[in-house]
Amino acid sequence: MQVKSFFETDIPTTFLLRRKALKLNQNDVAKKLGLSTMGLSHLETGGRGLKLTMLEKWANVLDLEVYIEVKPK
């Protein structure tokens, strides 16, 4: 089985792997995001919609930079 790098996965999985790499538990990250542990779990599994404001906040907690590029096709 080949292990994917952070950037070959979807956003929730990337953030989950980053949290684990930083040795942070769900409870600590959830508190920083103003969520319950269950709320963070739903984000990490893709079971909850992700707004841009939460994406930015979550990225900051995990010391990640997120940018969105909009351009013509």
N, C-alpha and C. Protein backbone atom coordinates (compact mmCIF):
# COMPACT_ATOMS: atom_id res chain seq x y z
N MET A 1 0.84 -1.18 0.00
CA MET A 1 0.00 0.00 0.00
C MET A 1 0.88 1.24 0.00
N GLN A 2 0.61 2.15 -0.89
CA GLN A 2 1.39 3.39 -0.99
C GLN A 2 0.77 4.46 -0.09
N VAL A 3 1.62 5.12 0.68
CA VAL A 3 1.16 6.20 1.56
C VAL A 3 1.19 7.50 0.77
N LYS A 4 0.09 8.23 0.83
CA LYS A 4 0.00 9.50 0.11
C LYS A 4 0.61 10.61 0.94
N SER A 5 1.20 11.57 0.28
CA SER A 5 1.73 12.74 0.97
C SER A 5 0.57 13.64 1.37
N PHE A 6 0.83 14.64 2.20
CA PHE A 6 -0.19 15.58 2.63
C PHE A 6 -0.95 16.17 1.45
N PHE A 7 -0.28 16.47 0.38
CA PHE A 7 -0.88 17.26 -0.68
C PHE A 7 -1.44 16.41 -1.82
N GLU A 8 -1.49 15.10 -1.64
CA GLU A 8 -2.12 14.22 -2.62
C GLU A 8 -3.47 13.71 -2.12
N THR A 9 -3.98 14.33 -1.09
CA THR A 9 -5.24 13.91 -0.50
C THR A 9 -6.23 15.06 -0.49
N ASP A 10 -7.44 14.80 -0.05
CA ASP A 10 -8.42 15.87 0.06
C ASP A 10 -8.11 16.75 1.27
N ILE A 11 -8.76 17.87 1.39
CA ILE A 11 -8.46 18.83 2.46
C ILE A 11 -8.67 18.24 3.86
N PRO A 12 -9.81 17.61 4.15
CA PRO A 12 -9.97 17.07 5.51
C PRO A 12 -8.88 16.05 5.89
N THR A 13 -8.53 15.18 4.95
CA THR A 13 -7.50 14.18 5.23
C THR A 13 -6.14 14.84 5.40
N THR A 14 -5.86 15.84 4.59
CA THR A 14 -4.60 16.58 4.71
C THR A 14 -4.48 17.20 6.10
N PHE A 15 -5.57 17.81 6.57
CA PHE A 15 -5.55 18.45 7.88
C PHE A 15 -5.46 17.42 9.00
N LEU A 16 -6.11 16.29 8.85
CA LEU A 16 -6.02 15.21 9.84
C LEU A 16 -4.59 14.71 9.94
N LEU A 17 -3.95 14.46 8.81
CA LEU A 17 -2.56 13.99 8.81
C LEU A 17 -1.63 15.03 9.40
N ARG A 18 -1.88 16.29 9.12
CA ARG A 18 -1.06 17.37 9.67
C ARG A 18 -1.21 17.43 11.20
N ARG A 19 -2.44 17.30 11.68
CA ARG A 19 -2.67 17.32 13.13
C ARG A 19 -1.89 16.19 13.80
N LYS A 20 -1.95 15.02 13.21
CA LYS A 20 -1.23 13.87 13.78
C LYS A 20 0.28 14.07 13.70
N ALA A 21 0.76 14.65 12.60
CA ALA A 21 2.21 14.90 12.46
C ALA A 21 2.70 15.88 13.52
N LEU A 22 1.83 16.82 13.90
CA LEU A 22 2.18 17.79 14.93
C LEU A 22 1.94 17.25 16.35
N LYS A 23 1.46 15.99 16.41
CA LYS A 23 1.17 15.33 17.68
C LYS A 23 0.15 16.12 18.52
N LEU A 24 -0.85 16.65 17.84
CA LEU A 24 -1.94 17.35 18.51
C LEU A 24 -3.14 16.42 18.60
N ASN A 25 -3.84 16.47 19.72
CA ASN A 25 -5.04 15.64 19.81
C ASN A 25 -6.26 16.44 19.36
N GLN A 26 -7.34 15.72 19.09
CA GLN A 26 -8.56 16.36 18.59
C GLN A 26 -9.11 17.37 19.58
N ASN A 27 -9.04 17.06 20.86
CA ASN A 27 -9.60 17.96 21.87
C ASN A 27 -8.92 19.32 21.85
N ASP A 28 -7.59 19.34 21.79
CA ASP A 28 -6.86 20.61 21.77
C ASP A 28 -7.18 21.44 20.54
N VAL A 29 -7.20 20.80 19.38
CA VAL A 29 -7.50 21.51 18.14
C VAL A 29 -8.95 21.99 18.13
N ALA A 30 -9.86 21.15 18.58
CA ALA A 30 -11.28 21.52 18.63
C ALA A 30 -11.48 22.76 19.49
N LYS A 31 -10.84 22.81 20.64
CA LYS A 31 -10.97 23.97 21.53
C LYS A 31 -10.50 25.25 20.83
N LYS A 32 -9.39 25.17 20.11
CA LYS A 32 -8.86 26.34 19.42
C LYS A 32 -9.78 26.80 18.30
N LEU A 33 -10.58 25.87 17.77
CA LEU A 33 -11.51 26.20 16.69
C LEU A 33 -12.90 26.56 17.21
N GLY A 34 -13.10 26.40 18.51
CA GLY A 34 -14.41 26.67 19.07
C GLY A 34 -15.42 25.59 18.74
N LEU A 35 -14.94 24.36 18.57
CA LEU A 35 -15.78 23.23 18.22
C LEU A 35 -15.73 22.18 19.32
N SER A 36 -16.67 21.27 19.28
CA SER A 36 -16.58 20.08 20.13
C SER A 36 -15.62 19.10 19.44
N THR A 37 -15.19 18.11 20.18
CA THR A 37 -14.33 17.07 19.58
C THR A 37 -15.09 16.37 18.47
N MET A 38 -16.38 16.13 18.68
CA MET A 38 -17.20 15.50 17.64
C MET A 38 -17.30 16.39 16.41
N GLY A 39 -17.40 17.70 16.60
CA GLY A 39 -17.44 18.62 15.47
C GLY A 39 -16.18 18.56 14.63
N LEU A 40 -15.03 18.50 15.31
CA LEU A 40 -13.76 18.38 14.58
C LEU A 40 -13.68 17.04 13.87
N SER A 41 -14.14 16.00 14.52
CA SER A 41 -14.15 14.68 13.90
C SER A 41 -14.95 14.69 12.60
N HIS A 42 -16.10 15.36 12.62
CA HIS A 42 -16.92 15.48 11.41
C HIS A 42 -16.18 16.24 10.31
N LEU A 43 -15.45 17.28 10.68
CA LEU A 43 -14.66 18.00 9.68
C LEU A 43 -13.57 17.11 9.09
N GLU A 44 -12.86 16.39 9.95
CA GLU A 44 -11.74 15.56 9.50
C GLU A 44 -12.18 14.39 8.62
N THR A 45 -13.41 13.97 8.76
CA THR A 45 -13.90 12.85 7.93
C THR A 45 -14.71 13.33 6.74
N GLY A 46 -14.85 14.65 6.61
CA GLY A 46 -15.59 15.20 5.48
C GLY A 46 -17.09 15.09 5.66
N GLY A 47 -17.53 14.79 6.89
CA GLY A 47 -18.95 14.62 7.15
C GLY A 47 -19.67 15.91 7.47
N ARG A 48 -18.98 17.01 7.40
CA ARG A 48 -19.57 18.32 7.70
C ARG A 48 -19.07 19.30 6.65
N GLY A 49 -19.94 20.18 6.21
CA GLY A 49 -19.54 21.21 5.26
C GLY A 49 -18.46 22.11 5.85
N LEU A 50 -17.59 22.60 5.00
CA LEU A 50 -16.46 23.41 5.46
C LEU A 50 -16.55 24.80 4.83
N LYS A 51 -16.80 25.81 5.65
CA LYS A 51 -16.84 27.19 5.17
C LYS A 51 -15.41 27.73 5.08
N LEU A 52 -15.22 28.72 4.22
CA LEU A 52 -13.89 29.29 4.04
C LEU A 52 -13.33 29.88 5.33
N THR A 53 -14.18 30.48 6.14
CA THR A 53 -13.70 31.06 7.40
C THR A 53 -13.16 29.97 8.33
N MET A 54 -13.84 28.82 8.39
CA MET A 54 -13.37 27.72 9.21
C MET A 54 -12.10 27.11 8.61
N LEU A 55 -12.04 27.03 7.30
CA LEU A 55 -10.84 26.51 6.64
C LEU A 55 -9.62 27.34 7.02
N GLU A 56 -9.77 28.66 6.99
CA GLU A 56 -8.66 29.56 7.33
C GLU A 56 -8.25 29.39 8.80
N LYS A 57 -9.23 29.34 9.66
CA LYS A 57 -8.96 29.18 11.10
C LYS A 57 -8.26 27.85 11.38
N TRP A 58 -8.77 26.79 10.77
CA TRP A 58 -8.21 25.44 10.93
C TRP A 58 -6.78 25.40 10.41
N ALA A 59 -6.54 25.99 9.26
CA ALA A 59 -5.19 26.04 8.70
C ALA A 59 -4.23 26.77 9.63
N ASN A 60 -4.67 27.88 10.22
CA ASN A 60 -3.82 28.63 11.14
C ASN A 60 -3.45 27.80 12.36
N VAL A 61 -4.42 27.07 12.90
CA VAL A 61 -4.15 26.23 14.08
C VAL A 61 -3.08 25.18 13.74
N LEU A 62 -3.10 24.67 12.52
CA LEU A 62 -2.17 23.62 12.11
C LEU A 62 -0.93 24.18 11.42
N ASP A 63 -0.76 25.50 11.46
CA ASP A 63 0.39 26.17 10.84
C ASP A 63 0.52 25.81 9.36
N LEU A 64 -0.61 25.91 8.66
CA LEU A 64 -0.66 25.68 7.22
C LEU A 64 -1.13 26.96 6.53
N GLU A 65 -0.75 27.09 5.29
CA GLU A 65 -1.21 28.21 4.47
C GLU A 65 -2.14 27.67 3.40
N VAL A 66 -3.28 28.29 3.25
CA VAL A 66 -4.26 27.89 2.24
C VAL A 66 -4.52 29.09 1.36
N TYR A 67 -4.53 28.85 0.07
CA TYR A 67 -4.91 29.91 -0.84
C TYR A 67 -5.80 29.33 -1.93
N ILE A 68 -6.66 30.17 -2.44
CA ILE A 68 -7.57 29.76 -3.50
C ILE A 68 -7.30 30.66 -4.69
N GLU A 69 -7.14 30.05 -5.81
CA GLU A 69 -6.89 30.80 -7.03
C GLU A 69 -8.09 30.68 -7.93
N VAL A 70 -8.59 31.79 -8.37
CA VAL A 70 -9.70 31.81 -9.31
C VAL A 70 -9.18 32.37 -10.61
N LYS A 71 -9.36 31.60 -11.68
CA LYS A 71 -8.86 32.06 -12.97
C LYS A 71 -9.75 31.50 -14.07
N PRO A 72 -9.73 32.12 -15.23
CA PRO A 72 -10.54 31.62 -16.35
C PRO A 72 -10.07 30.24 -16.79
N LYS A 73 -10.99 29.49 -17.32
CA LYS A 73 -10.66 28.14 -17.83
C LYS A 73 -9.82 28.24 -19.06
